[in-house]
Amino acid sequence: MTDRKTGLYALDLTSAVWRKSSASGAENDCVEIAELPGGGRAVRDSKNPGREPLRFTASEWAAFRTGVMAGEL
């Protein structure tokens, strides 16, 4: 897992295609998501796109989504 995670952070995201999360609020508190190889995701704050985004492996992203949808986060 560590190698996959390191690989995600080694990716150059300058040409990543970012989309606004459907869960973002109407108050411009926007979270943007980009798809990464192998089913991973990168997540950033649209108000601060220059800040390093968080990166999730496919399994981490699935667990995160499950937790959010269950109201755990």
PDB file of N, CA and C in Angstrom:
ATOM      1  N   MET A   1       0.824  -1.200   0.000  1.00  0.00           N
ATOM      2  CA  MET A   1       0.000   0.000   0.000  1.00  0.00           C
ATOM      3  C   MET A   1       0.859   1.252   0.000  1.00  0.00           C
ATOM      4  N   THR A   2       1.955   1.252   0.741  1.00  0.00           N
ATOM      5  CA  THR A   2       2.809   2.428   0.815  1.00  0.00           C
ATOM      6  C   THR A   2       3.346   2.799  -0.558  1.00  0.00           C
ATOM      7  N   ASP A   3       3.743   1.792  -1.356  1.00  0.00           N
ATOM      8  CA  ASP A   3       4.255   2.075  -2.689  1.00  0.00           C
ATOM      9  C   ASP A   3       3.198   2.708  -3.576  1.00  0.00           C
ATOM     10  N   ARG A   4       1.957   2.209  -3.479  1.00  0.00           N
ATOM     11  CA  ARG A   4       0.868   2.803  -4.267  1.00  0.00           C
ATOM     12  C   ARG A   4       0.616   4.234  -3.834  1.00  0.00           C
ATOM     13  N   LYS A   5       0.637   4.481  -2.539  1.00  0.00           N
ATOM     14  CA  LYS A   5       0.395   5.823  -2.024  1.00  0.00           C
ATOM     15  C   LYS A   5       1.514   6.764  -2.462  1.00  0.00           C
ATOM     16  N   THR A   6       2.753   6.311  -2.358  1.00  0.00           N
ATOM     17  CA  THR A   6       3.889   7.114  -2.802  1.00  0.00           C
ATOM     18  C   THR A   6       3.756   7.419  -4.288  1.00  0.00           C
ATOM     19  N   GLY A   7       3.329   6.427  -5.047  1.00  0.00           N
ATOM     20  CA  GLY A   7       3.130   6.622  -6.481  1.00  0.00           C
ATOM     21  C   GLY A   7       2.073   7.669  -6.786  1.00  0.00           C
ATOM     22  N   LEU A   8       1.011   7.704  -5.995  1.00  0.00           N
ATOM     23  CA  LEU A   8      -0.034   8.710  -6.202  1.00  0.00           C
ATOM     24  C   LEU A   8       0.513  10.115  -5.979  1.00  0.00           C
ATOM     25  N   TYR A   9       1.354  10.272  -4.954  1.00  0.00           N
ATOM     26  CA  TYR A   9       1.905  11.594  -4.669  1.00  0.00           C
ATOM     27  C   TYR A   9       3.012  11.981  -5.645  1.00  0.00           C
ATOM     28  N   ALA A  10       3.533  11.009  -6.392  1.00  0.00           N
ATOM     29  CA  ALA A  10       4.545  11.308  -7.401  1.00  0.00           C
ATOM     30  C   ALA A  10       3.914  11.770  -8.717  1.00  0.00           C
ATOM     31  N   LEU A  11       2.613  11.563  -8.873  1.00  0.00           N
ATOM     32  CA  LEU A  11       1.936  11.946 -10.112  1.00  0.00           C
ATOM     33  C   LEU A  11       1.900  13.459 -10.285  1.00  0.00           C
ATOM     34  N   ASP A  12       2.123  13.907 -11.498  1.00  0.00           N
ATOM     35  CA  ASP A  12       2.002  15.319 -11.855  1.00  0.00           C
ATOM     36  C   ASP A  12       0.532  15.603 -12.158  1.00  0.00           C
ATOM     37  N   LEU A  13      -0.079  16.473 -11.411  1.00  0.00           N
ATOM     38  CA  LEU A  13      -1.506  16.758 -11.576  1.00  0.00           C
ATOM     39  C   LEU A  13      -1.781  18.029 -12.378  1.00  0.00           C
ATOM     40  N   THR A  14      -0.762  18.585 -13.034  1.00  0.00           N
ATOM     41  CA  THR A  14      -0.981  19.839 -13.768  1.00  0.00           C
ATOM     42  C   THR A  14      -2.006  19.691 -14.882  1.00  0.00           C
ATOM     43  N   SER A  15      -2.156  18.512 -15.447  1.00  0.00           N
ATOM     44  CA  SER A  15      -3.145  18.322 -16.508  1.00  0.00           C
ATOM     45  C   SER A  15      -4.355  17.520 -16.028  1.00  0.00           C
ATOM     46  N   ALA A  16      -4.486  17.363 -14.718  1.00  0.00           N
ATOM     47  CA  ALA A  16      -5.631  16.628 -14.171  1.00  0.00           C
ATOM     48  C   ALA A  16      -6.931  17.360 -14.502  1.00  0.00           C
ATOM     49  N   VAL A  17      -7.975  16.589 -14.710  1.00  0.00           N
ATOM     50  CA  VAL A  17      -9.306  17.151 -14.967  1.00  0.00           C
ATOM     51  C   VAL A  17     -10.057  17.153 -13.639  1.00  0.00           C
ATOM     52  N   TRP A  18     -10.300  18.347 -13.115  1.00  0.00           N
ATOM     53  CA  TRP A  18     -10.971  18.499 -11.827  1.00  0.00           C
ATOM     54  C   TRP A  18     -12.450  18.746 -12.052  1.00  0.00           C
ATOM     55  N   ARG A  19     -13.274  18.148 -11.209  1.00  0.00           N
ATOM     56  CA  ARG A  19     -14.718  18.399 -11.258  1.00  0.00           C
ATOM     57  C   ARG A  19     -15.203  18.695  -9.848  1.00  0.00           C
ATOM     58  N   LYS A  20     -16.219  19.521  -9.781  1.00  0.00           N
ATOM     59  CA  LYS A  20     -16.803  19.862  -8.484  1.00  0.00           C
ATOM     60  C   LYS A  20     -17.568  18.661  -7.952  1.00  0.00           C
ATOM     61  N   SER A  21     -17.372  18.357  -6.695  1.00  0.00           N
ATOM     62  CA  SER A  21     -18.081  17.258  -6.065  1.00  0.00           C
ATOM     63  C   SER A  21     -19.569  17.564  -6.023  1.00  0.00           C
ATOM     64  N   SER A  22     -20.377  16.558  -6.266  1.00  0.00           N
ATOM     65  CA  SER A  22     -21.829  16.744  -6.189  1.00  0.00           C
ATOM     66  C   SER A  22     -22.275  17.021  -4.758  1.00  0.00           C
ATOM     67  N   ALA A  23     -21.400  16.741  -3.791  1.00  0.00           N
ATOM     68  CA  ALA A  23     -21.731  16.971  -2.379  1.00  0.00           C
ATOM     69  C   ALA A  23     -21.317  18.362  -1.906  1.00  0.00           C
ATOM     70  N   SER A  24     -20.721  19.163  -2.783  1.00  0.00           N
ATOM     71  CA  SER A  24     -20.294  20.504  -2.394  1.00  0.00           C
ATOM     72  C   SER A  24     -21.509  21.388  -2.140  1.00  0.00           C
ATOM     73  N   GLY A  25     -21.364  22.295  -1.204  1.00  0.00           N
ATOM     74  CA  GLY A  25     -22.461  23.170  -0.839  1.00  0.00           C
ATOM     75  C   GLY A  25     -22.642  24.344  -1.776  1.00  0.00           C
ATOM     76  N   ALA A  26     -23.793  24.972  -1.719  1.00  0.00           N
ATOM     77  CA  ALA A  26     -24.100  26.132  -2.551  1.00  0.00           C
ATOM     78  C   ALA A  26     -23.391  27.392  -2.066  1.00  0.00           C
ATOM     79  N   GLU A  27     -22.748  27.327  -0.908  1.00  0.00           N
ATOM     80  CA  GLU A  27     -22.067  28.486  -0.327  1.00  0.00           C
ATOM     81  C   GLU A  27     -20.653  28.653  -0.870  1.00  0.00           C
ATOM     82  N   ASN A  28     -20.342  27.999  -1.983  1.00  0.00           N
ATOM     83  CA  ASN A  28     -19.007  28.015  -2.587  1.00  0.00           C
ATOM     84  C   ASN A  28     -17.965  27.318  -1.734  1.00  0.00           C
ATOM     85  N   ASP A  29     -18.392  26.422  -0.862  1.00  0.00           N
ATOM     86  CA  ASP A  29     -17.472  25.570  -0.103  1.00  0.00           C
ATOM     87  C   ASP A  29     -17.241  24.329  -0.949  1.00  0.00           C
ATOM     88  N   CYS A  30     -16.497  24.494  -2.023  1.00  0.00           N
ATOM     89  CA  CYS A  30     -16.406  23.456  -3.040  1.00  0.00           C
ATOM     90  C   CYS A  30     -15.206  22.541  -2.851  1.00  0.00           C
ATOM     91  N   VAL A  31     -15.478  21.291  -3.015  1.00  0.00           N
ATOM     92  CA  VAL A  31     -14.449  20.264  -3.055  1.00  0.00           C
ATOM     93  C   VAL A  31     -14.386  19.794  -4.496  1.00  0.00           C
ATOM     94  N   GLU A  32     -13.183  19.727  -5.046  1.00  0.00           N
ATOM     95  CA  GLU A  32     -13.001  19.245  -6.404  1.00  0.00           C
ATOM     96  C   GLU A  32     -12.266  17.911  -6.377  1.00  0.00           C
ATOM     97  N   ILE A  33     -12.617  17.044  -7.318  1.00  0.00           N
ATOM     98  CA  ILE A  33     -12.072  15.692  -7.370  1.00  0.00           C
ATOM     99  C   ILE A  33     -11.501  15.441  -8.759  1.00  0.00           C
ATOM    100  N   ALA A  34     -10.360  14.771  -8.803  1.00  0.00           N
ATOM    101  CA  ALA A  34      -9.768  14.334 -10.064  1.00  0.00           C
ATOM    102  C   ALA A  34      -9.525  12.834  -9.984  1.00  0.00           C
ATOM    103  N   GLU A  35      -9.797  12.136 -11.068  1.00  0.00           N
ATOM    104  CA  GLU A  35      -9.544  10.703 -11.115  1.00  0.00           C
ATOM    105  C   GLU A  35      -8.060  10.451 -11.344  1.00  0.00           C
ATOM    106  N   LEU A  36      -7.542   9.437 -10.661  1.00  0.00           N
ATOM    107  CA  LEU A  36      -6.142   9.050 -10.785  1.00  0.00           C
ATOM    108  C   LEU A  36      -6.063   7.625 -11.311  1.00  0.00           C
ATOM    109  N   PRO A  37      -4.906   7.230 -11.817  1.00  0.00           N
ATOM    110  CA  PRO A  37      -4.762   5.856 -12.312  1.00  0.00           C
ATOM    111  C   PRO A  37      -5.086   4.827 -11.227  1.00  0.00           C
ATOM    112  N   GLY A  38      -5.637   3.705 -11.660  1.00  0.00           N
ATOM    113  CA  GLY A  38      -5.934   2.616 -10.732  1.00  0.00           C
ATOM    114  C   GLY A  38      -7.143   2.858  -9.857  1.00  0.00           C
ATOM    115  N   GLY A  39      -7.974   3.840 -10.198  1.00  0.00           N
ATOM    116  CA  GLY A  39      -9.180   4.112  -9.421  1.00  0.00           C
ATOM    117  C   GLY A  39      -8.985   5.057  -8.252  1.00  0.00           C
ATOM    118  N   GLY A  40      -7.782   5.601  -8.100  1.00  0.00           N
ATOM    119  CA  GLY A  40      -7.526   6.559  -7.031  1.00  0.00           C
ATOM    120  C   GLY A  40      -8.188   7.893  -7.311  1.00  0.00           C
ATOM    121  N   ARG A  41      -8.176   8.762  -6.328  1.00  0.00           N
ATOM    122  CA  ARG A  41      -8.744  10.106  -6.479  1.00  0.00           C
ATOM    123  C   ARG A  41      -7.851  11.122  -5.794  1.00  0.00           C
ATOM    124  N   ALA A  42      -7.850  12.329  -6.346  1.00  0.00           N
ATOM    125  CA  ALA A  42      -7.216  13.473  -5.704  1.00  0.00           C
ATOM    126  C   ALA A  42      -8.338  14.435  -5.330  1.00  0.00           C
ATOM    127  N   VAL A  43      -8.208  15.078  -4.186  1.00  0.00           N
ATOM    128  CA  VAL A  43      -9.249  15.973  -3.675  1.00  0.00           C
ATOM    129  C   VAL A  43      -8.593  17.278  -3.273  1.00  0.00           C
ATOM    130  N   ARG A  44      -9.210  18.397  -3.694  1.00  0.00           N
ATOM    131  CA  ARG A  44      -8.667  19.711  -3.335  1.00  0.00           C
ATOM    132  C   ARG A  44      -9.791  20.690  -3.021  1.00  0.00           C
ATOM    133  N   ASP A  45      -9.409  21.771  -2.379  1.00  0.00           N
ATOM    134  CA  ASP A  45     -10.310  22.881  -2.069  1.00  0.00           C
ATOM    135  C   ASP A  45     -10.296  23.828  -3.261  1.00  0.00           C
ATOM    136  N   SER A  46     -11.443  24.064  -3.870  1.00  0.00           N
ATOM    137  CA  SER A  46     -11.491  24.903  -5.067  1.00  0.00           C
ATOM    138  C   SER A  46     -11.089  26.348  -4.787  1.00  0.00           C
ATOM    139  N   LYS A  47     -11.199  26.783  -3.543  1.00  0.00           N
ATOM    140  CA  LYS A  47     -10.808  28.148  -3.196  1.00  0.00           C
ATOM    141  C   LYS A  47      -9.297  28.281  -3.045  1.00  0.00           C
ATOM    142  N   ASN A  48      -8.595  27.155  -2.988  1.00  0.00           N
ATOM    143  CA  ASN A  48      -7.144  27.169  -2.815  1.00  0.00           C
ATOM    144  C   ASN A  48      -6.523  26.068  -3.694  1.00  0.00           C
ATOM    145  N   PRO A  49      -6.677  26.193  -5.035  1.00  0.00           N
ATOM    146  CA  PRO A  49      -6.226  25.115  -5.921  1.00  0.00           C
ATOM    147  C   PRO A  49      -4.711  24.935  -5.970  1.00  0.00           C
ATOM    148  N   GLY A  50      -3.948  25.890  -5.495  1.00  0.00           N
ATOM    149  CA  GLY A  50      -2.497  25.762  -5.484  1.00  0.00           C
ATOM    150  C   GLY A  50      -1.972  24.909  -4.341  1.00  0.00           C
ATOM    151  N   ARG A  51      -2.801  24.664  -3.365  1.00  0.00           N
ATOM    152  CA  ARG A  51      -2.407  23.833  -2.226  1.00  0.00           C
ATOM    153  C   ARG A  51      -2.366  22.366  -2.645  1.00  0.00           C
ATOM    154  N   GLU A  52      -1.450  21.616  -2.106  1.00  0.00           N
ATOM    155  CA  GLU A  52      -1.301  20.202  -2.457  1.00  0.00           C
ATOM    156  C   GLU A  52      -2.588  19.442  -2.151  1.00  0.00           C
ATOM    157  N   PRO A  53      -3.168  18.760  -3.150  1.00  0.00           N
ATOM    158  CA  PRO A  53      -4.394  17.997  -2.893  1.00  0.00           C
ATOM    159  C   PRO A  53      -4.117  16.702  -2.131  1.00  0.00           C
ATOM    160  N   LEU A  54      -5.136  16.236  -1.454  1.00  0.00           N
ATOM    161  CA  LEU A  54      -5.070  14.922  -0.820  1.00  0.00           C
ATOM    162  C   LEU A  54      -5.211  13.879  -1.913  1.00  0.00           C
ATOM    163  N   ARG A  55      -4.573  12.735  -1.726  1.00  0.00           N
ATOM    164  CA  ARG A  55      -4.663  11.665  -2.713  1.00  0.00           C
ATOM    165  C   ARG A  55      -5.032  10.367  -2.020  1.00  0.00           C
ATOM    166  N   PHE A  56      -5.977   9.668  -2.613  1.00  0.00           N
ATOM    167  CA  PHE A  56      -6.510   8.438  -2.051  1.00  0.00           C
ATOM    168  C   PHE A  56      -6.326   7.289  -3.034  1.00  0.00           C
ATOM    169  N   THR A  57      -5.930   6.122  -2.542  1.00  0.00           N
ATOM    170  CA  THR A  57      -5.971   4.919  -3.365  1.00  0.00           C
ATOM    171  C   THR A  57      -7.434   4.568  -3.589  1.00  0.00           C
ATOM    172  N   ALA A  58      -7.691   3.632  -4.495  1.00  0.00           N
ATOM    173  CA  ALA A  58      -9.072   3.227  -4.773  1.00  0.00           C
ATOM    174  C   ALA A  58      -9.756   2.689  -3.518  1.00  0.00           C
ATOM    175  N   SER A  59      -9.049   1.880  -2.736  1.00  0.00           N
ATOM    176  CA  SER A  59      -9.675   1.312  -1.528  1.00  0.00           C
ATOM    177  C   SER A  59      -9.887   2.381  -0.459  1.00  0.00           C
ATOM    178  N   GLU A  60      -8.963   3.321  -0.335  1.00  0.00           N
ATOM    179  CA  GLU A  60      -9.147   4.419   0.629  1.00  0.00           C
ATOM    180  C   GLU A  60     -10.333   5.278   0.220  1.00  0.00           C
ATOM    181  N   TRP A  61     -10.462   5.551  -1.072  1.00  0.00           N
ATOM    182  CA  TRP A  61     -11.569   6.374  -1.571  1.00  0.00           C
ATOM    183  C   TRP A  61     -12.904   5.677  -1.314  1.00  0.00           C
ATOM    184  N   ALA A  62     -12.964   4.373  -1.556  1.00  0.00           N
ATOM    185  CA  ALA A  62     -14.197   3.617  -1.313  1.00  0.00           C
ATOM    186  C   ALA A  62     -14.579   3.670   0.165  1.00  0.00           C
ATOM    187  N   ALA A  63     -13.612   3.510   1.051  1.00  0.00           N
ATOM    188  CA  ALA A  63     -13.887   3.555   2.491  1.00  0.00           C
ATOM    189  C   ALA A  63     -14.337   4.959   2.914  1.00  0.00           C
ATOM    190  N   PHE A  64     -13.710   5.992   2.367  1.00  0.00           N
ATOM    191  CA  PHE A  64     -14.083   7.373   2.668  1.00  0.00           C
ATOM    192  C   PHE A  64     -15.529   7.637   2.236  1.00  0.00           C
ATOM    193  N   ARG A  65     -15.862   7.262   1.010  1.00  0.00           N
ATOM    194  CA  ARG A  65     -17.217   7.478   0.503  1.00  0.00           C
ATOM    195  C   ARG A  65     -18.254   6.725   1.333  1.00  0.00           C
ATOM    196  N   THR A  66     -17.934   5.495   1.693  1.00  0.00           N
ATOM    197  CA  THR A  66     -18.847   4.703   2.515  1.00  0.00           C
ATOM    198  C   THR A  66     -19.105   5.390   3.847  1.00  0.00           C
ATOM    199  N   GLY A  67     -18.052   5.901   4.465  1.00  0.00           N
ATOM    200  CA  GLY A  67     -18.186   6.608   5.738  1.00  0.00           C
ATOM    201  C   GLY A  67     -19.007   7.864   5.626  1.00  0.00           C
ATOM    202  N   VAL A  68     -18.780   8.637   4.566  1.00  0.00           N
ATOM    203  CA  VAL A  68     -19.547   9.876   4.365  1.00  0.00           C
ATOM    204  C   VAL A  68     -21.023   9.547   4.142  1.00  0.00           C
ATOM    205  N   MET A  69     -21.292   8.578   3.295  1.00  0.00           N
ATOM    206  CA  MET A  69     -22.677   8.237   2.991  1.00  0.00           C
ATOM    207  C   MET A  69     -23.399   7.644   4.191  1.00  0.00           C
ATOM    208  N   ALA A  70     -22.658   7.027   5.108  1.00  0.00           N
ATOM    209  CA  ALA A  70     -23.262   6.469   6.324  1.00  0.00           C
ATOM    210  C   ALA A  70     -23.381   7.503   7.439  1.00  0.00           C
ATOM    211  N   GLY A  71     -22.894   8.738   7.174  1.00  0.00           N
ATOM    212  CA  GLY A  71     -22.971   9.792   8.181  1.00  0.00           C
ATOM    213  C   GLY A  71     -21.908   9.693   9.262  1.00  0.00           C
ATOM    214  N   GLU A  72     -20.860   8.933   9.001  1.00  0.00           N
ATOM    215  CA  GLU A  72     -19.802   8.753   9.993  1.00  0.00           C
ATOM    216  C   GLU A  72     -18.826   9.927  10.019  1.00  0.00           C
ATOM    217  N   LEU A  73     -18.804  10.727   8.995  1.00  0.00           N
ATOM    218  CA  LEU A  73     -17.862  11.863   8.936  1.00  0.00           C
ATOM    219  C   LEU A  73     -18.603  13.171   8.917  1.00  0.00           C
TER     220      LEU A  73
END
